[in-house]
């Protein structure tokens, strides 16, 4: 699945594939699913998809920076390392970007079984 989002006025193409979780692990030496489930445990989302402000301190936002970079790297192999890429933005409003990447995150973990 591919999607283009806007970060700091720049269009960024993102791509989720069957290799997303493995690319995440290869790049960051962390298990994608462990990080994701730790995130789910740490922050409690409300029914409308927003995050409870009281639980926001328990969320490790590094996961989102890393996940967005992996999605961008899959869409564009020319993207540099994570820190260099992030330095290319004056702002990177991660909380505002989470709704934009939710469908890509769901595609990474979603089962086709009904």
PDB file of N, CA and C in Angstrom:
ATOM      1  N   UNK A   1       0.838  -1.162   0.000  1.00  0.00           N
ATOM      2  CA  UNK A   1       0.000   0.000   0.000  1.00  0.00           C
ATOM      3  C   UNK A   1       0.887   1.230   0.000  1.00  0.00           C
ATOM      4  N   UNK A   2       0.544   2.206  -0.815  1.00  0.00           N
ATOM      5  CA  UNK A   2       1.300   3.449  -0.878  1.00  0.00           C
ATOM      6  C   UNK A   2       0.405   4.631  -0.550  1.00  0.00           C
ATOM      7  N   UNK A   3       1.046   5.648   0.009  1.00  0.00           N
ATOM      8  CA  UNK A   3       0.309   6.849   0.396  1.00  0.00           C
ATOM      9  C   UNK A   3       1.298   8.010   0.424  1.00  0.00           C
ATOM     10  N   UNK A   4       0.827   9.188   0.077  1.00  0.00           N
ATOM     11  CA  UNK A   4       1.647  10.386   0.174  1.00  0.00           C
ATOM     12  C   UNK A   4       1.080  11.268   1.278  1.00  0.00           C
ATOM     13  N   UNK A   5       1.959  11.693   2.179  1.00  0.00           N
ATOM     14  CA  UNK A   5       1.549  12.598   3.248  1.00  0.00           C
ATOM     15  C   UNK A   5       2.409  13.858   3.153  1.00  0.00           C
ATOM     16  N   UNK A   6       2.018  14.886   3.856  1.00  0.00           N
ATOM     17  CA  UNK A   6       2.772  16.140   3.870  1.00  0.00           C
ATOM     18  C   UNK A   6       3.390  16.315   5.253  1.00  0.00           C
ATOM     19  N   UNK A   7       4.711  16.484   5.258  1.00  0.00           N
ATOM     20  CA  UNK A   7       5.453  16.726   6.490  1.00  0.00           C
ATOM     21  C   UNK A   7       6.209  18.033   6.301  1.00  0.00           C
ATOM     22  N   UNK A   8       5.930  19.001   7.130  1.00  0.00           N
ATOM     23  CA  UNK A   8       6.614  20.296   7.079  1.00  0.00           C
ATOM     24  C   UNK A   8       6.579  20.892   5.666  1.00  0.00           C
ATOM     25  N   UNK A   9       5.436  20.756   5.009  1.00  0.00           N
ATOM     26  CA  UNK A   9       5.260  21.317   3.675  1.00  0.00           C
ATOM     27  C   UNK A   9       5.849  20.476   2.547  1.00  0.00           C
ATOM     28  N   UNK A  10       6.474  19.357   2.869  1.00  0.00           N
ATOM     29  CA  UNK A  10       7.072  18.482   1.864  1.00  0.00           C
ATOM     30  C   UNK A  10       6.210  17.235   1.667  1.00  0.00           C
ATOM     31  N   UNK A  11       5.960  16.888   0.419  1.00  0.00           N
ATOM     32  CA  UNK A  11       5.253  15.638   0.149  1.00  0.00           C
ATOM     33  C   UNK A  11       6.216  14.474   0.348  1.00  0.00           C
ATOM     34  N   UNK A  12       5.773  13.495   1.125  1.00  0.00           N
ATOM     35  CA  UNK A  12       6.594  12.321   1.414  1.00  0.00           C
ATOM     36  C   UNK A  12       5.775  11.095   1.044  1.00  0.00           C
ATOM     37  N   UNK A  13       6.334  10.300   0.140  1.00  0.00           N
ATOM     38  CA  UNK A  13       5.662   9.071  -0.268  1.00  0.00           C
ATOM     39  C   UNK A  13       6.035   7.969   0.709  1.00  0.00           C
ATOM     40  N   UNK A  14       5.037   7.208   1.142  1.00  0.00           N
ATOM     41  CA  UNK A  14       5.223   6.105   2.076  1.00  0.00           C
ATOM     42  C   UNK A  14       4.719   4.818   1.437  1.00  0.00           C
ATOM     43  N   UNK A  15       5.356   3.717   1.781  1.00  0.00           N
ATOM     44  CA  UNK A  15       4.961   2.431   1.216  1.00  0.00           C
ATOM     45  C   UNK A  15       5.089   1.347   2.274  1.00  0.00           C
ATOM     46  N   UNK A  16       4.010   0.594   2.434  1.00  0.00           N
ATOM     47  CA  UNK A  16       4.007  -0.543   3.343  1.00  0.00           C
ATOM     48  C   UNK A  16       3.998  -1.816   2.502  1.00  0.00           C
ATOM     49  N   UNK A  17       4.891  -2.750   2.835  1.00  0.00           N
ATOM     50  CA  UNK A  17       4.961  -4.018   2.105  1.00  0.00           C
ATOM     51  C   UNK A  17       5.022  -5.165   3.105  1.00  0.00           C
ATOM     52  N   UNK A  18       5.069  -6.357   2.584  1.00  0.00           N
ATOM     53  CA  UNK A  18       5.213  -7.530   3.433  1.00  0.00           C
ATOM     54  C   UNK A  18       6.542  -7.543   4.183  1.00  0.00           C
ATOM     55  N   UNK A  19       7.504  -6.743   3.734  1.00  0.00           N
ATOM     56  CA  UNK A  19       8.818  -6.707   4.375  1.00  0.00           C
ATOM     57  C   UNK A  19       8.962  -5.590   5.407  1.00  0.00           C
ATOM     58  N   UNK A  20       7.913  -4.837   5.642  1.00  0.00           N
ATOM     59  CA  UNK A  20       8.020  -3.682   6.541  1.00  0.00           C
ATOM     60  C   UNK A  20       8.558  -4.059   7.916  1.00  0.00           C
ATOM     61  N   UNK A  21       7.999  -5.066   8.543  1.00  0.00           N
ATOM     62  CA  UNK A  21       8.441  -5.456   9.884  1.00  0.00           C
ATOM     63  C   UNK A  21       9.893  -5.932   9.877  1.00  0.00           C
ATOM     64  N   UNK A  22      10.300  -6.637   8.832  1.00  0.00           N
ATOM     65  CA  UNK A  22      11.683  -7.120   8.750  1.00  0.00           C
ATOM     66  C   UNK A  22      12.659  -5.983   8.468  1.00  0.00           C
ATOM     67  N   UNK A  23      12.253  -5.021   7.644  1.00  0.00           N
ATOM     68  CA  UNK A  23      13.101  -3.848   7.391  1.00  0.00           C
ATOM     69  C   UNK A  23      13.291  -3.037   8.672  1.00  0.00           C
ATOM     70  N   UNK A  24      12.223  -2.905   9.432  1.00  0.00           N
ATOM     71  CA  UNK A  24      12.281  -2.203  10.714  1.00  0.00           C
ATOM     72  C   UNK A  24      13.324  -2.879  11.615  1.00  0.00           C
ATOM     73  N   UNK A  25      13.247  -4.194  11.702  1.00  0.00           N
ATOM     74  CA  UNK A  25      14.186  -4.934  12.554  1.00  0.00           C
ATOM     75  C   UNK A  25      15.617  -4.840  12.024  1.00  0.00           C
ATOM     76  N   UNK A  26      15.785  -4.942  10.717  1.00  0.00           N
ATOM     77  CA  UNK A  26      17.120  -4.863  10.129  1.00  0.00           C
ATOM     78  C   UNK A  26      17.756  -3.494  10.374  1.00  0.00           C
ATOM     79  N   UNK A  27      16.965  -2.453  10.325  1.00  0.00           N
ATOM     80  CA  UNK A  27      17.480  -1.096  10.506  1.00  0.00           C
ATOM     81  C   UNK A  27      17.730  -0.747  11.970  1.00  0.00           C
ATOM     82  N   UNK A  28      16.804  -1.113  12.837  1.00  0.00           N
ATOM     83  CA  UNK A  28      16.844  -0.637  14.217  1.00  0.00           C
ATOM     84  C   UNK A  28      17.207  -1.710  15.247  1.00  0.00           C
ATOM     85  N   UNK A  29      17.417  -2.954  14.798  1.00  0.00           N
ATOM     86  CA  UNK A  29      17.744  -4.072  15.679  1.00  0.00           C
ATOM     87  C   UNK A  29      16.724  -4.200  16.813  1.00  0.00           C
ATOM     88  N   UNK A  30      15.469  -3.909  16.491  1.00  0.00           N
ATOM     89  CA  UNK A  30      14.362  -4.053  17.437  1.00  0.00           C
ATOM     90  C   UNK A  30      13.244  -4.781  16.721  1.00  0.00           C
ATOM     91  N   UNK A  31      12.523  -5.583  17.461  1.00  0.00           N
ATOM     92  CA  UNK A  31      11.398  -6.292  16.866  1.00  0.00           C
ATOM     93  C   UNK A  31      10.218  -5.345  16.704  1.00  0.00           C
ATOM     94  N   UNK A  32       9.736  -5.229  15.480  1.00  0.00           N
ATOM     95  CA  UNK A  32       8.628  -4.327  15.150  1.00  0.00           C
ATOM     96  C   UNK A  32       7.411  -4.614  16.015  1.00  0.00           C
ATOM     97  N   UNK A  33       7.021  -5.867  16.111  1.00  0.00           N
ATOM     98  CA  UNK A  33       5.804  -6.222  16.837  1.00  0.00           C
ATOM     99  C   UNK A  33       5.941  -5.991  18.343  1.00  0.00           C
ATOM    100  N   UNK A  34       7.112  -6.259  18.895  1.00  0.00           N
ATOM    101  CA  UNK A  34       7.336  -5.973  20.319  1.00  0.00           C
ATOM    102  C   UNK A  34       7.213  -4.485  20.596  1.00  0.00           C
ATOM    103  N   UNK A  35       7.822  -3.671  19.729  1.00  0.00           N
ATOM    104  CA  UNK A  35       7.726  -2.219  19.893  1.00  0.00           C
ATOM    105  C   UNK A  35       6.289  -1.743  19.750  1.00  0.00           C
ATOM    106  N   UNK A  36       5.589  -2.308  18.784  1.00  0.00           N
ATOM    107  CA  UNK A  36       4.199  -1.914  18.549  1.00  0.00           C
ATOM    108  C   UNK A  36       3.327  -2.274  19.745  1.00  0.00           C
ATOM    109  N   UNK A  37       3.447  -3.485  20.256  1.00  0.00           N
ATOM    110  CA  UNK A  37       2.604  -3.899  21.367  1.00  0.00           C
ATOM    111  C   UNK A  37       2.960  -3.165  22.659  1.00  0.00           C
ATOM    112  N   UNK A  38       4.227  -2.804  22.817  1.00  0.00           N
ATOM    113  CA  UNK A  38       4.625  -1.990  23.964  1.00  0.00           C
ATOM    114  C   UNK A  38       3.965  -0.613  23.852  1.00  0.00           C
ATOM    115  N   UNK A  39       3.891  -0.118  22.652  1.00  0.00           N
ATOM    116  CA  UNK A  39       3.238   1.164  22.392  1.00  0.00           C
ATOM    117  C   UNK A  39       1.751   1.097  22.721  1.00  0.00           C
ATOM    118  N   UNK A  40       1.099   0.038  22.283  1.00  0.00           N
ATOM    119  CA  UNK A  40      -0.325  -0.136  22.541  1.00  0.00           C
ATOM    120  C   UNK A  40      -0.581  -0.210  24.048  1.00  0.00           C
ATOM    121  N   UNK A  41       0.292  -0.898  24.751  1.00  0.00           N
ATOM    122  CA  UNK A  41       0.159  -1.016  26.194  1.00  0.00           C
ATOM    123  C   UNK A  41       0.389   0.323  26.893  1.00  0.00           C
ATOM    124  N   UNK A  42       1.315   1.115  26.349  1.00  0.00           N
ATOM    125  CA  UNK A  42       1.689   2.368  26.994  1.00  0.00           C
ATOM    126  C   UNK A  42       0.682   3.484  26.838  1.00  0.00           C
ATOM    127  N   UNK A  43       0.078   3.603  25.683  1.00  0.00           N
ATOM    128  CA  UNK A  43      -0.845   4.698  25.434  1.00  0.00           C
ATOM    129  C   UNK A  43      -2.242   4.184  25.198  1.00  0.00           C
ATOM    130  N   UNK A  44      -3.182   4.764  25.856  1.00  0.00           N
ATOM    131  CA  UNK A  44      -4.560   4.325  25.705  1.00  0.00           C
ATOM    132  C   UNK A  44      -5.275   5.238  24.730  1.00  0.00           C
ATOM    133  N   UNK A  45      -5.731   4.675  23.641  1.00  0.00           N
ATOM    134  CA  UNK A  45      -6.472   5.458  22.657  1.00  0.00           C
ATOM    135  C   UNK A  45      -7.942   5.484  23.041  1.00  0.00           C
ATOM    136  N   UNK A  46      -8.551   6.621  22.789  1.00  0.00           N
ATOM    137  CA  UNK A  46      -9.987   6.742  23.011  1.00  0.00           C
ATOM    138  C   UNK A  46     -10.709   6.158  21.807  1.00  0.00           C
ATOM    139  N   UNK A  47     -12.020   6.004  21.913  1.00  0.00           N
ATOM    140  CA  UNK A  47     -12.796   5.424  20.808  1.00  0.00           C
ATOM    141  C   UNK A  47     -12.714   6.240  19.533  1.00  0.00           C
ATOM    142  N   UNK A  48     -12.482   7.548  19.642  1.00  0.00           N
ATOM    143  CA  UNK A  48     -12.398   8.397  18.451  1.00  0.00           C
ATOM    144  C   UNK A  48     -11.001   8.380  17.828  1.00  0.00           C
ATOM    145  N   UNK A  49     -10.087   7.586  18.392  1.00  0.00           N
ATOM    146  CA  UNK A  49      -8.741   7.449  17.834  1.00  0.00           C
ATOM    147  C   UNK A  49      -7.727   8.390  18.450  1.00  0.00           C
ATOM    148  N   UNK A  50      -8.162   9.354  19.253  1.00  0.00           N
ATOM    149  CA  UNK A  50      -7.221  10.252  19.900  1.00  0.00           C
ATOM    150  C   UNK A  50      -6.608   9.560  21.113  1.00  0.00           C
ATOM    151  N   UNK A  51      -5.512  10.098  21.575  1.00  0.00           N
ATOM    152  CA  UNK A  51      -4.799   9.488  22.685  1.00  0.00           C
ATOM    153  C   UNK A  51      -5.138  10.222  23.980  1.00  0.00           C
ATOM    154  N   UNK A  52      -5.398   9.457  25.007  1.00  0.00           N
ATOM    155  CA  UNK A  52      -5.683  10.011  26.328  1.00  0.00           C
ATOM    156  C   UNK A  52      -4.455  10.776  26.805  1.00  0.00           C
ATOM    157  N   UNK A  53      -4.620  12.034  27.093  1.00  0.00           N
ATOM    158  CA  UNK A  53      -3.502  12.897  27.470  1.00  0.00           C
ATOM    159  C   UNK A  53      -2.777  12.391  28.714  1.00  0.00           C
ATOM    160  N   UNK A  54      -3.482  11.729  29.615  1.00  0.00           N
ATOM    161  CA  UNK A  54      -2.851  11.207  30.825  1.00  0.00           C
ATOM    162  C   UNK A  54      -1.890  10.051  30.532  1.00  0.00           C
ATOM    163  N   UNK A  55      -2.108   9.347  29.440  1.00  0.00           N
ATOM    164  CA  UNK A  55      -1.244   8.207  29.138  1.00  0.00           C
ATOM    165  C   UNK A  55      -0.173   8.540  28.107  1.00  0.00           C
ATOM    166  N   UNK A  56      -0.154   9.773  27.625  1.00  0.00           N
ATOM    167  CA  UNK A  56       0.796  10.141  26.574  1.00  0.00           C
ATOM    168  C   UNK A  56       2.249  10.038  27.050  1.00  0.00           C
ATOM    169  N   UNK A  57       2.472  10.234  28.338  1.00  0.00           N
ATOM    170  CA  UNK A  57       3.837  10.145  28.857  1.00  0.00           C
ATOM    171  C   UNK A  57       4.389   8.731  28.791  1.00  0.00           C
ATOM    172  N   UNK A  58       3.537   7.733  28.636  1.00  0.00           N
ATOM    173  CA  UNK A  58       3.972   6.340  28.558  1.00  0.00           C
ATOM    174  C   UNK A  58       4.296   5.893  27.127  1.00  0.00           C
ATOM    175  N   UNK A  59       4.080   6.760  26.160  1.00  0.00           N
ATOM    176  CA  UNK A  59       4.290   6.383  24.759  1.00  0.00           C
ATOM    177  C   UNK A  59       5.715   6.690  24.334  1.00  0.00           C
ATOM    178  N   UNK A  60       6.351   5.725  23.702  1.00  0.00           N
ATOM    179  CA  UNK A  60       7.689   5.921  23.151  1.00  0.00           C
ATOM    180  C   UNK A  60       7.516   6.364  21.696  1.00  0.00           C
ATOM    181  N   UNK A  61       7.601   7.653  21.456  1.00  0.00           N
ATOM    182  CA  UNK A  61       7.357   8.187  20.124  1.00  0.00           C
ATOM    183  C   UNK A  61       8.447   7.824  19.127  1.00  0.00           C
ATOM    184  N   UNK A  62       9.576   7.313  19.595  1.00  0.00           N
ATOM    185  CA  UNK A  62      10.636   6.878  18.698  1.00  0.00           C
ATOM    186  C   UNK A  62      10.108   5.840  17.699  1.00  0.00           C
ATOM    187  N   UNK A  63       9.194   5.010  18.151  1.00  0.00           N
ATOM    188  CA  UNK A  63       8.605   4.007  17.265  1.00  0.00           C
ATOM    189  C   UNK A  63       8.022   4.674  16.017  1.00  0.00           C
ATOM    190  N   UNK A  64       7.286   5.754  16.194  1.00  0.00           N
ATOM    191  CA  UNK A  64       6.646   6.426  15.055  1.00  0.00           C
ATOM    192  C   UNK A  64       7.661   7.040  14.110  1.00  0.00           C
ATOM    193  N   UNK A  65       8.712   7.688  14.641  1.00  0.00           N
ATOM    194  CA  UNK A  65       9.764   8.235  13.789  1.00  0.00           C
ATOM    195  C   UNK A  65      10.395   7.119  12.953  1.00  0.00           C
ATOM    196  N   UNK A  66      10.722   6.020  13.616  1.00  0.00           N
ATOM    197  CA  UNK A  66      11.354   4.894  12.935  1.00  0.00           C
ATOM    198  C   UNK A  66      10.415   4.263  11.902  1.00  0.00           C
ATOM    199  N   UNK A  67       9.161   4.086  12.279  1.00  0.00           N
ATOM    200  CA  UNK A  67       8.188   3.466  11.375  1.00  0.00           C
ATOM    201  C   UNK A  67       7.970   4.329  10.131  1.00  0.00           C
ATOM    202  N   UNK A  68       7.822   5.627  10.316  1.00  0.00           N
ATOM    203  CA  UNK A  68       7.632   6.519   9.163  1.00  0.00           C
ATOM    204  C   UNK A  68       8.860   6.491   8.272  1.00  0.00           C
ATOM    205  N   UNK A  69      10.051   6.462   8.867  1.00  0.00           N
ATOM    206  CA  UNK A  69      11.263   6.393   8.048  1.00  0.00           C
ATOM    207  C   UNK A  69      11.289   5.104   7.219  1.00  0.00           C
ATOM    208  N   UNK A  70      10.954   3.981   7.833  1.00  0.00           N
ATOM    209  CA  UNK A  70      10.933   2.708   7.098  1.00  0.00           C
ATOM    210  C   UNK A  70       9.953   2.788   5.929  1.00  0.00           C
ATOM    211  N   UNK A  71       8.771   3.338   6.168  1.00  0.00           N
ATOM    212  CA  UNK A  71       7.780   3.476   5.096  1.00  0.00           C
ATOM    213  C   UNK A  71       8.298   4.378   3.984  1.00  0.00           C
ATOM    214  N   UNK A  72       8.955   5.466   4.355  1.00  0.00           N
ATOM    215  CA  UNK A  72       9.507   6.385   3.353  1.00  0.00           C
ATOM    216  C   UNK A  72      10.654   5.724   2.590  1.00  0.00           C
ATOM    217  N   UNK A  73      11.486   4.987   3.272  1.00  0.00           N
ATOM    218  CA  UNK A  73      12.628   4.304   2.641  1.00  0.00           C
ATOM    219  C   UNK A  73      12.149   3.237   1.654  1.00  0.00           C
ATOM    220  N   UNK A  74      11.065   2.549   2.005  1.00  0.00           N
ATOM    221  CA  UNK A  74      10.517   1.542   1.086  1.00  0.00           C
ATOM    222  C   UNK A  74       9.966   2.196  -0.178  1.00  0.00           C
ATOM    223  N   UNK A  75       9.464   3.415  -0.044  1.00  0.00           N
ATOM    224  CA  UNK A  75       8.918   4.122  -1.207  1.00  0.00           C
ATOM    225  C   UNK A  75      10.009   4.796  -2.021  1.00  0.00           C
ATOM    226  N   UNK A  76      11.126   5.143  -1.376  1.00  0.00           N
ATOM    227  CA  UNK A  76      12.203   5.863  -2.053  1.00  0.00           C
ATOM    228  C   UNK A  76      13.537   5.400  -1.493  1.00  0.00           C
ATOM    229  N   UNK A  77      14.217   4.555  -2.218  1.00  0.00           N
ATOM    230  CA  UNK A  77      15.488   3.973  -1.761  1.00  0.00           C
ATOM    231  C   UNK A  77      16.590   5.017  -1.578  1.00  0.00           C
ATOM    232  N   UNK A  78      16.405   6.222  -2.134  1.00  0.00           N
ATOM    233  CA  UNK A  78      17.412   7.279  -2.051  1.00  0.00           C
ATOM    234  C   UNK A  78      17.392   8.029  -0.715  1.00  0.00           C
ATOM    235  N   UNK A  79      16.410   7.760   0.120  1.00  0.00           N
ATOM    236  CA  UNK A  79      16.318   8.448   1.401  1.00  0.00           C
ATOM    237  C   UNK A  79      17.535   8.092   2.250  1.00  0.00           C
ATOM    238  N   UNK A  80      18.165   9.103   2.878  1.00  0.00           N
ATOM    239  CA  UNK A  80      19.360   8.833   3.691  1.00  0.00           C
ATOM    240  C   UNK A  80      18.997   8.186   5.027  1.00  0.00           C
ATOM    241  N   UNK A  81      20.013   8.021   5.873  1.00  0.00           N
ATOM    242  CA  UNK A  81      19.791   7.436   7.196  1.00  0.00           C
ATOM    243  C   UNK A  81      18.763   8.263   7.972  1.00  0.00           C
ATOM    244  N   UNK A  82      18.238   7.684   9.019  1.00  0.00           N
ATOM    245  CA  UNK A  82      17.125   8.266   9.766  1.00  0.00           C
ATOM    246  C   UNK A  82      17.404   9.692  10.232  1.00  0.00           C
ATOM    247  N   UNK A  83      18.508   9.895  10.930  1.00  0.00           N
ATOM    248  CA  UNK A  83      18.783  11.217  11.491  1.00  0.00           C
ATOM    249  C   UNK A  83      19.010  12.266  10.404  1.00  0.00           C
ATOM    250  N   UNK A  84      19.700  11.904   9.348  1.00  0.00           N
ATOM    251  CA  UNK A  84      19.905  12.840   8.248  1.00  0.00           C
ATOM    252  C   UNK A  84      18.573  13.201   7.613  1.00  0.00           C
ATOM    253  N   UNK A  85      17.725  12.204   7.419  1.00  0.00           N
ATOM    254  CA  UNK A  85      16.407  12.443   6.821  1.00  0.00           C
ATOM    255  C   UNK A  85      15.563  13.348   7.712  1.00  0.00           C
ATOM    256  N   UNK A  86      15.520  13.057   8.995  1.00  0.00           N
ATOM    257  CA  UNK A  86      14.737  13.877   9.926  1.00  0.00           C
ATOM    258  C   UNK A  86      15.282  15.304  10.010  1.00  0.00           C
ATOM    259  N   UNK A  87      16.595  15.465   9.898  1.00  0.00           N
ATOM    260  CA  UNK A  87      17.197  16.802   9.900  1.00  0.00           C
ATOM    261  C   UNK A  87      16.754  17.637   8.700  1.00  0.00           C
ATOM    262  N   UNK A  88      16.220  16.982   7.680  1.00  0.00           N
ATOM    263  CA  UNK A  88      15.746  17.690   6.496  1.00  0.00           C
ATOM    264  C   UNK A  88      14.409  18.392   6.692  1.00  0.00           C
ATOM    265  N   UNK A  89      13.820  18.237   7.858  1.00  0.00           N
ATOM    266  CA  UNK A  89      12.544  18.875   8.187  1.00  0.00           C
ATOM    267  C   UNK A  89      12.766  19.880   9.315  1.00  0.00           C
ATOM    268  N   UNK A  90      12.182  21.056   9.190  1.00  0.00           N
ATOM    269  CA  UNK A  90      12.248  22.025  10.290  1.00  0.00           C
ATOM    270  C   UNK A  90      11.380  21.562  11.447  1.00  0.00           C
ATOM    271  N   UNK A  91      10.225  20.985  11.113  1.00  0.00           N
ATOM    272  CA  UNK A  91       9.339  20.414  12.120  1.00  0.00           C
ATOM    273  C   UNK A  91       8.900  19.033  11.658  1.00  0.00           C
ATOM    274  N   UNK A  92       8.642  18.173  12.596  1.00  0.00           N
ATOM    275  CA  UNK A  92       8.171  16.829  12.308  1.00  0.00           C
ATOM    276  C   UNK A  92       7.086  16.525  13.330  1.00  0.00           C
ATOM    277  N   UNK A  93       5.873  17.044  13.094  1.00  0.00           N
ATOM    278  CA  UNK A  93       4.800  16.975  14.098  1.00  0.00           C
ATOM    279  C   UNK A  93       4.217  15.572  14.231  1.00  0.00           C
ATOM    280  N   UNK A  94       4.921  14.733  14.959  1.00  0.00           N
ATOM    281  CA  UNK A  94       4.591  13.314  15.023  1.00  0.00           C
ATOM    282  C   UNK A  94       3.153  13.065  15.468  1.00  0.00           C
ATOM    283  N   UNK A  95       2.662  13.821  16.427  1.00  0.00           N
ATOM    284  CA  UNK A  95       1.292  13.610  16.903  1.00  0.00           C
ATOM    285  C   UNK A  95       0.291  13.897  15.782  1.00  0.00           C
ATOM    286  N   UNK A  96       0.582  14.888  14.943  1.00  0.00           N
ATOM    287  CA  UNK A  96      -0.297  15.203  13.816  1.00  0.00           C
ATOM    288  C   UNK A  96      -0.201  14.170  12.703  1.00  0.00           C
ATOM    289  N   UNK A  97       0.936  13.472  12.630  1.00  0.00           N
ATOM    290  CA  UNK A  97       1.162  12.506  11.550  1.00  0.00           C
ATOM    291  C   UNK A  97       0.577  11.124  11.850  1.00  0.00           C
ATOM    292  N   UNK A  98       0.367  10.822  13.108  1.00  0.00           N
ATOM    293  CA  UNK A  98      -0.127   9.493  13.475  1.00  0.00           C
ATOM    294  C   UNK A  98      -1.417   9.136  12.743  1.00  0.00           C
ATOM    295  N   UNK A  99      -2.423  10.019  12.683  1.00  0.00           N
ATOM    296  CA  UNK A  99      -3.633   9.656  11.930  1.00  0.00           C
ATOM    297  C   UNK A  99      -3.356   9.387  10.442  1.00  0.00           C
ATOM    298  N   UNK A 100      -2.337  10.074   9.888  1.00  0.00           N
ATOM    299  CA  UNK A 100      -2.002   9.886   8.473  1.00  0.00           C
ATOM    300  C   UNK A 100      -1.389   8.521   8.185  1.00  0.00           C
ATOM    301  N   UNK A 101      -0.766   7.917   9.186  1.00  0.00           N
ATOM    302  CA  UNK A 101      -0.085   6.638   8.953  1.00  0.00           C
ATOM    303  C   UNK A 101      -0.831   5.443   9.529  1.00  0.00           C
ATOM    304  N   UNK A 102      -1.958   5.682  10.189  1.00  0.00           N
ATOM    305  CA  UNK A 102      -2.683   4.579  10.825  1.00  0.00           C
ATOM    306  C   UNK A 102      -3.044   3.467   9.855  1.00  0.00           C
ATOM    307  N   UNK A 103      -3.529   3.820   8.666  1.00  0.00           N
ATOM    308  CA  UNK A 103      -3.925   2.773   7.720  1.00  0.00           C
ATOM    309  C   UNK A 103      -2.732   1.945   7.274  1.00  0.00           C
ATOM    310  N   UNK A 104      -1.551   2.565   7.149  1.00  0.00           N
ATOM    311  CA  UNK A 104      -0.350   1.818   6.783  1.00  0.00           C
ATOM    312  C   UNK A 104       0.089   0.900   7.929  1.00  0.00           C
ATOM    313  N   UNK A 105      -0.079   1.366   9.132  1.00  0.00           N
ATOM    314  CA  UNK A 105       0.237   0.543  10.294  1.00  0.00           C
ATOM    315  C   UNK A 105      -0.696  -0.653  10.365  1.00  0.00           C
ATOM    316  N   UNK A 106      -1.987  -0.408  10.164  1.00  0.00           N
ATOM    317  CA  UNK A 106      -2.961  -1.505  10.191  1.00  0.00           C
ATOM    318  C   UNK A 106      -2.671  -2.521   9.087  1.00  0.00           C
ATOM    319  N   UNK A 107      -2.282  -2.050   7.912  1.00  0.00           N
ATOM    320  CA  UNK A 107      -1.969  -2.968   6.805  1.00  0.00           C
ATOM    321  C   UNK A 107      -0.801  -3.871   7.154  1.00  0.00           C
ATOM    322  N   UNK A 108       0.134  -3.365   7.955  1.00  0.00           N
ATOM    323  CA  UNK A 108       1.311  -4.137   8.341  1.00  0.00           C
ATOM    324  C   UNK A 108       0.946  -5.284   9.274  1.00  0.00           C
ATOM    325  N   UNK A 109      -0.082  -5.099  10.092  1.00  0.00           N
ATOM    326  CA  UNK A 109      -0.423  -6.120  11.095  1.00  0.00           C
ATOM    327  C   UNK A 109      -1.736  -6.821  10.839  1.00  0.00           C
ATOM    328  N   UNK A 110      -2.467  -6.376   9.857  1.00  0.00           N
ATOM    329  CA  UNK A 110      -3.819  -6.882   9.591  1.00  0.00           C
ATOM    330  C   UNK A 110      -3.817  -8.291   9.009  1.00  0.00           C
ATOM    331  N   UNK A 111      -4.776  -9.073   9.442  1.00  0.00           N
ATOM    332  CA  UNK A 111      -4.980 -10.415   8.907  1.00  0.00           C
ATOM    333  C   UNK A 111      -6.084 -10.375   7.860  1.00  0.00           C
ATOM    334  N   UNK A 112      -5.977 -11.214   6.855  1.00  0.00           N
ATOM    335  CA  UNK A 112      -7.019 -11.280   5.847  1.00  0.00           C
ATOM    336  C   UNK A 112      -8.115 -12.269   6.232  1.00  0.00           C
ATOM    337  N   UNK A 113      -7.868 -13.039   7.287  1.00  0.00           N
ATOM    338  CA  UNK A 113      -8.889 -14.005   7.742  1.00  0.00           C
ATOM    339  C   UNK A 113     -10.061 -13.258   8.332  1.00  0.00           C
ATOM    340  N   UNK A 114     -11.240 -13.746   8.040  1.00  0.00           N
ATOM    341  CA  UNK A 114     -12.450 -13.138   8.588  1.00  0.00           C
ATOM    342  C   UNK A 114     -13.163 -14.127   9.464  1.00  0.00           C
TER     343      UNK A 114
END
